[in-house]
Amino acid sequence: LQSDLDQFMRLKRDAERMAKNAHRQSSYIKLLEIVSKIKKMLIESSTEDAILNQVCRLLGTFPHYKVVWIGLPREGSHVVDIADRVDLATPSYLQKDFYVNLDEKDPHAYGPVGECMRTGRSVLIEDTQSDPRFEPWKYFAKASSIHSVLSIPIKTFNQEQLLGVITIYGDAEHRFSYEEIHILED
């Protein structure tokens, strides 16, 4: 009887693991479809505003992404402007007083966007409440149920010039898997 129970428990764990993997694969397929639409739109769109708007709108349709925004550096300044956004958080996360500054003397320069702009590499915050880099935005994140953040550099085709940053906020800690980040960076 004990061996039957052990075998049943192993089968149950295997079934749960398979269901979880199937859900994850389904999510990756949906994200790949979104990225494919973005690539097609990049070829077909004629204006920068249309491109920025559609990238935010398309990524904003992915489940568990509460906020997507594109930041562009303001010429002659240390400020990163929000060029476009989708904010599905309740309450809205991108409040009037939200900002990112690239001046190294300002604490608003050390979050994921600032680090991404300085390094040209993707930056992941897996827990907005415990990562010290996210301190200036911690209160807004908690109020808006935002628990993880990924900032991805936007570069020219030849990867030589950084144009801006796409930042995505997730509804759970450790929201972004390695595979998901790779898809988004593509």
N, C-alpha and C. Protein backbone atom coordinates (compact mmCIF):
# COMPACT_ATOMS: atom_id res chain seq x y z
N LEU A 1 0.83 -1.19 0.00
CA LEU A 1 0.00 0.00 0.00
C LEU A 1 0.88 1.27 0.00
N GLN A 2 1.97 1.23 0.79
CA GLN A 2 2.86 2.40 0.85
C GLN A 2 3.51 2.65 -0.51
N SER A 3 3.92 1.61 -1.21
CA SER A 3 4.56 1.81 -2.52
C SER A 3 3.56 2.37 -3.52
N ASP A 4 2.28 1.95 -3.43
CA ASP A 4 1.25 2.52 -4.31
C ASP A 4 1.05 4.00 -4.01
N LEU A 5 1.06 4.34 -2.74
CA LEU A 5 0.91 5.74 -2.34
C LEU A 5 2.09 6.57 -2.82
N ASP A 6 3.30 6.05 -2.67
CA ASP A 6 4.50 6.75 -3.14
C ASP A 6 4.45 6.95 -4.65
N GLN A 7 4.04 5.91 -5.37
CA GLN A 7 3.96 6.01 -6.83
C GLN A 7 2.90 7.05 -7.23
N PHE A 8 1.77 7.04 -6.53
CA PHE A 8 0.73 8.03 -6.81
C PHE A 8 1.24 9.44 -6.59
N MET A 9 1.96 9.66 -5.49
CA MET A 9 2.50 11.00 -5.18
C MET A 9 3.51 11.43 -6.24
N ARG A 10 4.35 10.52 -6.71
CA ARG A 10 5.31 10.85 -7.79
C ARG A 10 4.57 11.23 -9.07
N LEU A 11 3.55 10.46 -9.40
CA LEU A 11 2.76 10.75 -10.60
C LEU A 11 2.06 12.11 -10.48
N LYS A 12 1.55 12.41 -9.30
CA LYS A 12 0.88 13.69 -9.07
C LYS A 12 1.88 14.84 -9.24
N ARG A 13 3.07 14.72 -8.66
CA ARG A 13 4.10 15.76 -8.80
C ARG A 13 4.50 15.92 -10.26
N ASP A 14 4.66 14.80 -10.97
CA ASP A 14 5.01 14.86 -12.39
C ASP A 14 3.92 15.57 -13.19
N ALA A 15 2.67 15.27 -12.91
CA ALA A 15 1.55 15.90 -13.62
C ALA A 15 1.52 17.40 -13.34
N GLU A 16 1.75 17.79 -12.08
CA GLU A 16 1.78 19.21 -11.74
C GLU A 16 2.92 19.93 -12.44
N ARG A 17 4.08 19.30 -12.48
CA ARG A 17 5.24 19.88 -13.16
C ARG A 17 4.98 20.02 -14.65
N MET A 18 4.35 19.01 -15.25
CA MET A 18 4.03 19.07 -16.69
C MET A 18 3.02 20.19 -16.97
N ALA A 19 2.03 20.34 -16.11
CA ALA A 19 1.04 21.40 -16.31
C ALA A 19 1.70 22.77 -16.19
N LYS A 20 2.59 22.92 -15.23
CA LYS A 20 3.30 24.19 -15.06
C LYS A 20 4.17 24.48 -16.28
N ASN A 21 4.87 23.48 -16.79
CA ASN A 21 5.70 23.65 -17.99
C ASN A 21 4.85 24.00 -19.21
N ALA A 22 3.69 23.36 -19.34
CA ALA A 22 2.80 23.66 -20.47
C ALA A 22 2.32 25.10 -20.40
N HIS A 23 1.98 25.57 -19.20
CA HIS A 23 1.55 26.97 -19.03
C HIS A 23 2.70 27.92 -19.39
N ARG A 24 3.90 27.61 -18.93
CA ARG A 24 5.06 28.45 -19.22
C ARG A 24 5.31 28.49 -20.73
N GLN A 25 5.25 27.34 -21.39
CA GLN A 25 5.46 27.29 -22.84
C GLN A 25 4.39 28.09 -23.58
N SER A 26 3.16 28.02 -23.11
CA SER A 26 2.07 28.79 -23.71
C SER A 26 2.34 30.29 -23.57
N SER A 27 2.87 30.71 -22.41
CA SER A 27 3.21 32.11 -22.21
C SER A 27 4.32 32.54 -23.15
N TYR A 28 5.33 31.70 -23.33
CA TYR A 28 6.43 32.03 -24.24
C TYR A 28 5.94 32.17 -25.67
N ILE A 29 5.02 31.31 -26.06
CA ILE A 29 4.46 31.39 -27.42
C ILE A 29 3.72 32.71 -27.60
N LYS A 30 2.92 33.10 -26.61
CA LYS A 30 2.20 34.38 -26.69
C LYS A 30 3.19 35.54 -26.78
N LEU A 31 4.25 35.50 -25.98
CA LEU A 31 5.25 36.57 -26.00
C LEU A 31 5.98 36.59 -27.35
N LEU A 32 6.29 35.44 -27.90
CA LEU A 32 6.93 35.38 -29.22
C LEU A 32 6.02 35.97 -30.29
N GLU A 33 4.72 35.72 -30.17
CA GLU A 33 3.76 36.31 -31.12
C GLU A 33 3.77 37.83 -31.02
N ILE A 34 3.82 38.36 -29.79
CA ILE A 34 3.86 39.81 -29.59
C ILE A 34 5.14 40.39 -30.18
N VAL A 35 6.27 39.76 -29.90
CA VAL A 35 7.55 40.24 -30.43
C VAL A 35 7.55 40.18 -31.96
N SER A 36 6.95 39.15 -32.52
CA SER A 36 6.85 39.05 -33.98
C SER A 36 6.02 40.20 -34.55
N LYS A 37 4.92 40.55 -33.89
CA LYS A 37 4.10 41.69 -34.33
C LYS A 37 4.89 42.99 -34.24
N ILE A 38 5.69 43.12 -33.18
CA ILE A 38 6.51 44.33 -33.02
C ILE A 38 7.52 44.42 -34.16
N LYS A 39 8.17 43.33 -34.50
CA LYS A 39 9.16 43.34 -35.59
C LYS A 39 8.50 43.72 -36.91
N LYS A 40 7.32 43.17 -37.17
CA LYS A 40 6.60 43.50 -38.39
C LYS A 40 6.24 44.98 -38.41
N MET A 41 5.77 45.48 -37.28
CA MET A 41 5.39 46.88 -37.17
C MET A 41 6.60 47.79 -37.36
N LEU A 42 7.77 47.38 -36.88
CA LEU A 42 8.98 48.19 -37.05
C LEU A 42 9.30 48.40 -38.53
N ILE A 43 9.03 47.40 -39.32
CA ILE A 43 9.29 47.48 -40.76
C ILE A 43 8.25 48.36 -41.44
N GLU A 44 7.00 48.26 -40.99
CA GLU A 44 5.90 48.93 -41.68
C GLU A 44 5.61 50.35 -41.19
N SER A 45 5.91 50.67 -39.94
CA SER A 45 5.55 51.99 -39.39
C SER A 45 6.45 53.07 -39.94
N SER A 46 5.87 54.25 -40.05
CA SER A 46 6.61 55.33 -40.67
C SER A 46 7.12 56.37 -39.68
N THR A 47 6.52 56.44 -38.49
CA THR A 47 6.95 57.48 -37.56
C THR A 47 7.43 56.88 -36.24
N GLU A 48 8.32 57.60 -35.59
CA GLU A 48 8.84 57.15 -34.29
C GLU A 48 7.71 57.07 -33.27
N ASP A 49 6.81 58.05 -33.25
CA ASP A 49 5.71 58.05 -32.30
C ASP A 49 4.83 56.82 -32.46
N ALA A 50 4.54 56.45 -33.71
CA ALA A 50 3.71 55.27 -33.97
C ALA A 50 4.41 54.01 -33.48
N ILE A 51 5.71 53.93 -33.69
CA ILE A 51 6.47 52.77 -33.25
C ILE A 51 6.44 52.67 -31.73
N LEU A 52 6.76 53.75 -31.05
CA LEU A 52 6.80 53.73 -29.59
C LEU A 52 5.43 53.37 -29.02
N ASN A 53 4.39 53.95 -29.59
CA ASN A 53 3.04 53.68 -29.13
C ASN A 53 2.69 52.20 -29.29
N GLN A 54 2.97 51.64 -30.45
CA GLN A 54 2.61 50.26 -30.71
C GLN A 54 3.43 49.28 -29.88
N VAL A 55 4.70 49.56 -29.67
CA VAL A 55 5.53 48.68 -28.83
C VAL A 55 4.92 48.61 -27.43
N CYS A 56 4.58 49.76 -26.86
CA CYS A 56 3.96 49.78 -25.53
C CYS A 56 2.62 49.05 -25.52
N ARG A 57 1.80 49.34 -26.50
CA ARG A 57 0.46 48.71 -26.56
C ARG A 57 0.57 47.20 -26.70
N LEU A 58 1.44 46.73 -27.58
CA LEU A 58 1.56 45.29 -27.78
C LEU A 58 2.11 44.59 -26.54
N LEU A 59 3.17 45.12 -25.96
CA LEU A 59 3.72 44.51 -24.74
C LEU A 59 2.73 44.60 -23.58
N GLY A 60 1.92 45.63 -23.57
CA GLY A 60 0.92 45.79 -22.52
C GLY A 60 -0.18 44.75 -22.57
N THR A 61 -0.29 44.00 -23.66
CA THR A 61 -1.30 42.94 -23.75
C THR A 61 -0.83 41.64 -23.11
N PHE A 62 0.45 41.55 -22.77
CA PHE A 62 0.96 40.30 -22.19
C PHE A 62 0.50 40.19 -20.74
N PRO A 63 -0.07 39.04 -20.37
CA PRO A 63 -0.53 38.86 -18.99
C PRO A 63 0.60 39.08 -17.99
N HIS A 64 0.28 39.67 -16.88
CA HIS A 64 1.19 39.90 -15.76
C HIS A 64 2.09 41.12 -15.94
N TYR A 65 2.01 41.82 -17.08
CA TYR A 65 2.75 43.07 -17.24
C TYR A 65 1.80 44.19 -16.88
N LYS A 66 2.09 44.88 -15.78
CA LYS A 66 1.20 45.93 -15.30
C LYS A 66 1.49 47.28 -15.92
N VAL A 67 2.78 47.53 -16.21
CA VAL A 67 3.18 48.82 -16.78
C VAL A 67 4.29 48.56 -17.79
N VAL A 68 4.20 49.24 -18.92
CA VAL A 68 5.27 49.23 -19.93
C VAL A 68 5.49 50.68 -20.33
N TRP A 69 6.74 51.12 -20.28
CA TRP A 69 7.01 52.48 -20.76
C TRP A 69 8.35 52.53 -21.46
N ILE A 70 8.45 53.48 -22.37
CA ILE A 70 9.69 53.70 -23.11
C ILE A 70 10.25 55.04 -22.67
N GLY A 71 11.50 55.00 -22.21
CA GLY A 71 12.17 56.21 -21.77
C GLY A 71 13.24 56.63 -22.75
N LEU A 72 13.26 57.90 -23.05
CA LEU A 72 14.28 58.47 -23.95
C LEU A 72 15.00 59.59 -23.19
N PRO A 73 16.32 59.66 -23.33
CA PRO A 73 17.05 60.72 -22.64
C PRO A 73 16.70 62.08 -23.23
N ARG A 74 16.45 63.03 -22.36
CA ARG A 74 16.15 64.40 -22.80
C ARG A 74 17.47 65.06 -23.20
N GLU A 75 17.50 65.58 -24.40
CA GLU A 75 18.72 66.21 -24.91
C GLU A 75 19.13 67.38 -24.02
N GLY A 76 20.42 67.42 -23.67
CA GLY A 76 20.97 68.50 -22.86
C GLY A 76 20.57 68.43 -21.39
N SER A 77 20.11 67.26 -20.94
CA SER A 77 19.62 67.12 -19.58
C SER A 77 19.97 65.73 -19.05
N HIS A 78 19.80 65.53 -17.76
CA HIS A 78 19.98 64.22 -17.15
C HIS A 78 18.66 63.47 -16.99
N VAL A 79 17.58 64.07 -17.41
CA VAL A 79 16.25 63.50 -17.22
C VAL A 79 15.93 62.50 -18.33
N VAL A 80 15.25 61.42 -17.95
CA VAL A 80 14.73 60.44 -18.91
C VAL A 80 13.23 60.72 -19.04
N ASP A 81 12.80 61.07 -20.25
CA ASP A 81 11.39 61.36 -20.50
C ASP A 81 10.63 60.09 -20.84
N ILE A 82 9.37 60.05 -20.43
CA ILE A 82 8.48 58.95 -20.81
C ILE A 82 7.95 59.29 -22.20
N ALA A 83 8.43 58.55 -23.20
CA ALA A 83 8.02 58.80 -24.58
C ALA A 83 6.66 58.19 -24.88
N ASP A 84 6.38 57.03 -24.28
CA ASP A 84 5.07 56.40 -24.40
C ASP A 84 4.92 55.42 -23.26
N ARG A 85 3.67 55.05 -22.99
CA ARG A 85 3.42 54.17 -21.86
C ARG A 85 2.08 53.47 -21.95
N VAL A 86 2.01 52.34 -21.26
CA VAL A 86 0.76 51.67 -20.94
C VAL A 86 0.84 51.41 -19.45
N ASP A 87 -0.12 51.93 -18.70
CA ASP A 87 -0.12 51.80 -17.25
C ASP A 87 -1.45 51.17 -16.82
N LEU A 88 -1.41 49.87 -16.57
CA LEU A 88 -2.61 49.13 -16.17
C LEU A 88 -2.67 48.92 -14.66
N ALA A 89 -1.73 49.50 -13.94
CA ALA A 89 -1.69 49.35 -12.48
C ALA A 89 -2.81 50.15 -11.83
N THR A 90 -3.28 49.65 -10.69
CA THR A 90 -4.29 50.34 -9.91
C THR A 90 -3.78 50.48 -8.49
N PRO A 91 -3.52 51.72 -8.02
CA PRO A 91 -3.59 52.97 -8.76
C PRO A 91 -2.47 53.05 -9.79
N SER A 92 -2.61 54.00 -10.69
CA SER A 92 -1.61 54.20 -11.73
C SER A 92 -0.22 54.33 -11.12
N TYR A 93 0.75 53.66 -11.71
CA TYR A 93 2.12 53.69 -11.19
C TYR A 93 2.87 54.95 -11.63
N LEU A 94 2.72 55.32 -12.87
CA LEU A 94 3.47 56.46 -13.42
C LEU A 94 2.77 57.76 -13.04
N GLN A 95 2.88 58.10 -11.78
CA GLN A 95 2.26 59.30 -11.23
C GLN A 95 2.94 60.55 -11.80
N LYS A 96 2.31 61.70 -11.55
CA LYS A 96 2.83 62.98 -12.04
C LYS A 96 4.25 63.25 -11.55
N ASP A 97 4.56 62.82 -10.33
CA ASP A 97 5.89 63.10 -9.78
C ASP A 97 6.91 61.98 -10.02
N PHE A 98 6.55 60.99 -10.86
CA PHE A 98 7.48 59.92 -11.21
C PHE A 98 8.55 60.48 -12.15
N TYR A 99 9.80 60.17 -11.87
CA TYR A 99 10.84 60.55 -12.81
C TYR A 99 12.10 59.72 -12.59
N VAL A 100 12.92 59.72 -13.63
CA VAL A 100 14.24 59.10 -13.59
C VAL A 100 15.24 60.16 -14.01
N ASN A 101 16.32 60.26 -13.26
CA ASN A 101 17.36 61.24 -13.53
C ASN A 101 18.67 60.49 -13.66
N LEU A 102 19.49 60.85 -14.61
CA LEU A 102 20.76 60.17 -14.84
C LEU A 102 21.94 60.84 -14.14
N ASP A 103 21.68 61.93 -13.43
CA ASP A 103 22.73 62.62 -12.68
C ASP A 103 23.16 61.70 -11.53
N GLU A 104 24.43 61.36 -11.48
CA GLU A 104 24.92 60.40 -10.49
C GLU A 104 24.77 60.88 -9.05
N LYS A 105 24.47 62.17 -8.85
CA LYS A 105 24.24 62.70 -7.50
C LYS A 105 22.80 62.50 -7.05
N ASP A 106 21.94 62.10 -7.96
CA ASP A 106 20.52 61.94 -7.67
C ASP A 106 20.21 60.46 -7.43
N PRO A 107 19.50 60.11 -6.34
CA PRO A 107 19.16 58.71 -6.10
C PRO A 107 18.26 58.10 -7.18
N HIS A 108 17.59 58.94 -7.96
CA HIS A 108 16.74 58.46 -9.05
C HIS A 108 17.55 57.98 -10.26
N ALA A 109 18.87 57.99 -10.14
CA ALA A 109 19.76 57.56 -11.23
C ALA A 109 20.20 56.11 -11.09
N TYR A 110 19.86 55.45 -9.99
CA TYR A 110 20.43 54.13 -9.72
C TYR A 110 19.44 52.99 -9.81
N GLY A 111 18.27 53.26 -10.34
CA GLY A 111 17.29 52.21 -10.57
C GLY A 111 17.59 51.47 -11.86
N PRO A 112 16.66 50.64 -12.30
CA PRO A 112 16.89 49.84 -13.50
C PRO A 112 17.06 50.67 -14.77
N VAL A 113 16.31 51.76 -14.90
CA VAL A 113 16.41 52.58 -16.10
C VAL A 113 17.77 53.28 -16.16
N GLY A 114 18.16 53.90 -15.06
CA GLY A 114 19.45 54.59 -15.02
C GLY A 114 20.61 53.64 -15.26
N GLU A 115 20.57 52.48 -14.61
CA GLU A 115 21.65 51.50 -14.80
C GLU A 115 21.68 50.99 -16.24
N CYS A 116 20.51 50.77 -16.81
CA CYS A 116 20.42 50.30 -18.20
C CYS A 116 20.98 51.37 -19.15
N MET A 117 20.65 52.62 -18.89
CA MET A 117 21.15 53.71 -19.74
C MET A 117 22.67 53.85 -19.63
N ARG A 118 23.21 53.66 -18.42
CA ARG A 118 24.66 53.79 -18.23
C ARG A 118 25.44 52.62 -18.82
N THR A 119 24.91 51.41 -18.70
CA THR A 119 25.66 50.21 -19.10
C THR A 119 25.31 49.71 -20.49
N GLY A 120 24.11 50.05 -20.98
CA GLY A 120 23.67 49.52 -22.27
C GLY A 120 23.26 48.06 -22.20
N ARG A 121 23.04 47.55 -20.98
CA ARG A 121 22.63 46.15 -20.78
C ARG A 121 21.29 46.10 -20.05
N SER A 122 20.57 45.01 -20.22
CA SER A 122 19.31 44.82 -19.52
C SER A 122 19.56 44.76 -18.02
N VAL A 123 18.60 45.28 -17.26
CA VAL A 123 18.69 45.30 -15.80
C VAL A 123 17.39 44.73 -15.23
N LEU A 124 17.55 43.79 -14.31
CA LEU A 124 16.41 43.13 -13.69
C LEU A 124 16.37 43.44 -12.20
N ILE A 125 15.21 43.86 -11.73
CA ILE A 125 14.93 44.00 -10.31
C ILE A 125 13.91 42.91 -10.00
N GLU A 126 14.31 41.90 -9.25
CA GLU A 126 13.42 40.76 -9.01
C GLU A 126 12.42 41.01 -7.88
N ASP A 127 12.73 41.95 -6.99
CA ASP A 127 11.83 42.26 -5.88
C ASP A 127 11.94 43.75 -5.58
N THR A 128 10.92 44.49 -5.95
CA THR A 128 10.96 45.95 -5.80
C THR A 128 11.01 46.40 -4.34
N GLN A 129 10.58 45.55 -3.44
CA GLN A 129 10.55 45.95 -2.03
C GLN A 129 11.85 45.68 -1.30
N SER A 130 12.70 44.84 -1.85
CA SER A 130 13.95 44.52 -1.14
C SER A 130 15.21 44.99 -1.86
N ASP A 131 15.12 45.32 -3.14
CA ASP A 131 16.31 45.73 -3.89
C ASP A 131 16.59 47.21 -3.61
N PRO A 132 17.76 47.53 -3.05
CA PRO A 132 18.05 48.93 -2.69
C PRO A 132 18.11 49.88 -3.89
N ARG A 133 18.36 49.36 -5.09
CA ARG A 133 18.38 50.21 -6.28
C ARG A 133 17.01 50.80 -6.59
N PHE A 134 15.97 50.19 -6.05
CA PHE A 134 14.61 50.62 -6.35
C PHE A 134 13.99 51.48 -5.25
N GLU A 135 14.77 51.88 -4.29
CA GLU A 135 14.28 52.62 -3.13
C GLU A 135 13.44 53.85 -3.47
N PRO A 136 13.83 54.72 -4.42
CA PRO A 136 13.02 55.92 -4.68
C PRO A 136 11.61 55.64 -5.20
N TRP A 137 11.37 54.46 -5.74
CA TRP A 137 10.08 54.13 -6.34
C TRP A 137 9.34 53.04 -5.56
N LYS A 138 9.91 52.62 -4.46
CA LYS A 138 9.41 51.50 -3.67
C LYS A 138 7.95 51.71 -3.22
N TYR A 139 7.64 52.90 -2.71
CA TYR A 139 6.29 53.18 -2.22
C TYR A 139 5.26 53.05 -3.35
N PHE A 140 5.55 53.68 -4.49
CA PHE A 140 4.62 53.61 -5.63
C PHE A 140 4.43 52.17 -6.09
N ALA A 141 5.53 51.40 -6.11
CA ALA A 141 5.46 50.01 -6.54
C ALA A 141 4.55 49.19 -5.62
N LYS A 142 4.72 49.38 -4.32
CA LYS A 142 3.90 48.63 -3.37
C LYS A 142 2.42 49.00 -3.52
N ALA A 143 2.14 50.29 -3.63
CA ALA A 143 0.76 50.75 -3.78
C ALA A 143 0.11 50.24 -5.06
N SER A 144 0.91 50.06 -6.11
CA SER A 144 0.40 49.63 -7.42
C SER A 144 0.56 48.13 -7.66
N SER A 145 0.98 47.38 -6.65
CA SER A 145 1.18 45.93 -6.75
C SER A 145 2.17 45.55 -7.84
N ILE A 146 3.26 46.30 -7.90
CA ILE A 146 4.35 46.01 -8.83
C ILE A 146 5.47 45.38 -8.02
N HIS A 147 5.93 44.20 -8.47
CA HIS A 147 6.88 43.45 -7.67
C HIS A 147 8.21 43.16 -8.36
N SER A 148 8.28 43.35 -9.66
CA SER A 148 9.54 43.13 -10.38
C SER A 148 9.60 44.07 -11.58
N VAL A 149 10.83 44.35 -12.03
CA VAL A 149 11.03 45.32 -13.11
C VAL A 149 12.14 44.83 -14.01
N LEU A 150 11.95 45.02 -15.31
CA LEU A 150 12.98 44.70 -16.29
C LEU A 150 13.13 45.91 -17.21
N SER A 151 14.36 46.42 -17.32
CA SER A 151 14.67 47.49 -18.27
C SER A 151 15.58 46.92 -19.35
N ILE A 152 15.21 47.18 -20.60
CA ILE A 152 15.92 46.65 -21.76
C ILE A 152 16.38 47.82 -22.62
N PRO A 153 17.66 47.84 -23.00
CA PRO A 153 18.13 48.95 -23.83
C PRO A 153 17.56 48.89 -25.24
N ILE A 154 17.27 50.06 -25.78
CA ILE A 154 16.89 50.18 -27.19
C ILE A 154 18.12 50.73 -27.90
N LYS A 155 18.64 49.93 -28.82
CA LYS A 155 19.87 50.33 -29.52
C LYS A 155 19.63 50.39 -31.01
N THR A 156 20.53 51.07 -31.69
CA THR A 156 20.48 51.09 -33.15
C THR A 156 20.74 49.68 -33.66
N PHE A 157 20.42 49.46 -34.92
CA PHE A 157 20.54 48.13 -35.52
C PHE A 157 21.94 47.53 -35.32
N ASN A 158 22.96 48.34 -35.44
CA ASN A 158 24.33 47.83 -35.31
C ASN A 158 24.79 47.79 -33.85
N GLN A 159 23.88 48.08 -32.91
CA GLN A 159 24.15 48.00 -31.46
C GLN A 159 25.18 49.00 -30.97
N GLU A 160 25.46 50.04 -31.74
CA GLU A 160 26.47 51.01 -31.34
C GLU A 160 25.92 52.15 -30.50
N GLN A 161 24.69 52.56 -30.75
CA GLN A 161 24.16 53.74 -30.06
C GLN A 161 22.93 53.35 -29.24
N LEU A 162 22.91 53.78 -27.99
CA LEU A 162 21.77 53.58 -27.12
C LEU A 162 20.76 54.70 -27.38
N LEU A 163 19.55 54.31 -27.75
CA LEU A 163 18.51 55.30 -28.05
C LEU A 163 17.60 55.57 -26.86
N GLY A 164 17.37 54.54 -26.04
CA GLY A 164 16.46 54.65 -24.92
C GLY A 164 16.33 53.33 -24.21
N VAL A 165 15.24 53.20 -23.46
CA VAL A 165 15.02 52.02 -22.63
C VAL A 165 13.54 51.65 -22.65
N ILE A 166 13.26 50.36 -22.76
CA ILE A 166 11.91 49.84 -22.55
C ILE A 166 11.91 49.26 -21.13
N THR A 167 10.94 49.67 -20.32
CA THR A 167 10.85 49.17 -18.96
C THR A 167 9.49 48.51 -18.75
N ILE A 168 9.54 47.31 -18.20
CA ILE A 168 8.34 46.50 -17.99
C ILE A 168 8.25 46.16 -16.50
N TYR A 169 7.07 46.35 -15.93
CA TYR A 169 6.83 46.08 -14.52
C TYR A 169 5.91 44.87 -14.40
N GLY A 170 6.31 43.91 -13.59
CA GLY A 170 5.54 42.68 -13.42
C GLY A 170 4.76 42.65 -12.12
N ASP A 171 3.76 41.79 -12.09
CA ASP A 171 2.86 41.70 -10.95
C ASP A 171 3.31 40.71 -9.88
N ALA A 172 4.48 40.10 -10.06
CA ALA A 172 4.97 39.13 -9.08
C ALA A 172 6.48 39.25 -8.94
N GLU A 173 6.98 38.88 -7.77
CA GLU A 173 8.43 38.81 -7.60
C GLU A 173 8.96 37.73 -8.54
N HIS A 174 10.16 37.93 -9.03
CA HIS A 174 10.81 36.95 -9.93
C HIS A 174 9.92 36.64 -11.14
N ARG A 175 9.23 37.66 -11.64
CA ARG A 175 8.29 37.52 -12.76
C ARG A 175 8.98 37.11 -14.07
N PHE A 176 10.22 37.57 -14.28
CA PHE A 176 10.87 37.42 -15.57
C PHE A 176 11.86 36.26 -15.55
N SER A 177 11.58 35.24 -16.35
CA SER A 177 12.50 34.11 -16.47
C SER A 177 13.61 34.46 -17.46
N TYR A 178 14.66 33.68 -17.45
CA TYR A 178 15.76 33.87 -18.40
C TYR A 178 15.24 33.81 -19.83
N GLU A 179 14.38 32.85 -20.12
CA GLU A 179 13.84 32.69 -21.47
C GLU A 179 13.02 33.91 -21.88
N GLU A 180 12.22 34.40 -20.95
CA GLU A 180 11.38 35.57 -21.22
C GLU A 180 12.24 36.80 -21.50
N ILE A 181 13.28 36.99 -20.70
CA ILE A 181 14.19 38.13 -20.90
C ILE A 181 14.84 38.03 -22.27
N HIS A 182 15.28 36.84 -22.63
CA HIS A 182 15.92 36.64 -23.95
C HIS A 182 14.94 37.00 -25.08
N ILE A 183 13.72 36.57 -24.97
CA ILE A 183 12.70 36.88 -26.00
C ILE A 183 12.52 38.40 -26.09
N LEU A 184 12.41 39.05 -24.95
CA LEU A 184 12.18 40.50 -24.93
C LEU A 184 13.38 41.26 -25.46
N GLU A 185 14.58 40.80 -25.15
CA GLU A 185 15.78 41.48 -25.66
C GLU A 185 15.86 41.38 -27.18
N ASP A 186 15.34 40.31 -27.73
CA ASP A 186 15.34 40.13 -29.19
C ASP A 186 14.50 41.20 -29.85
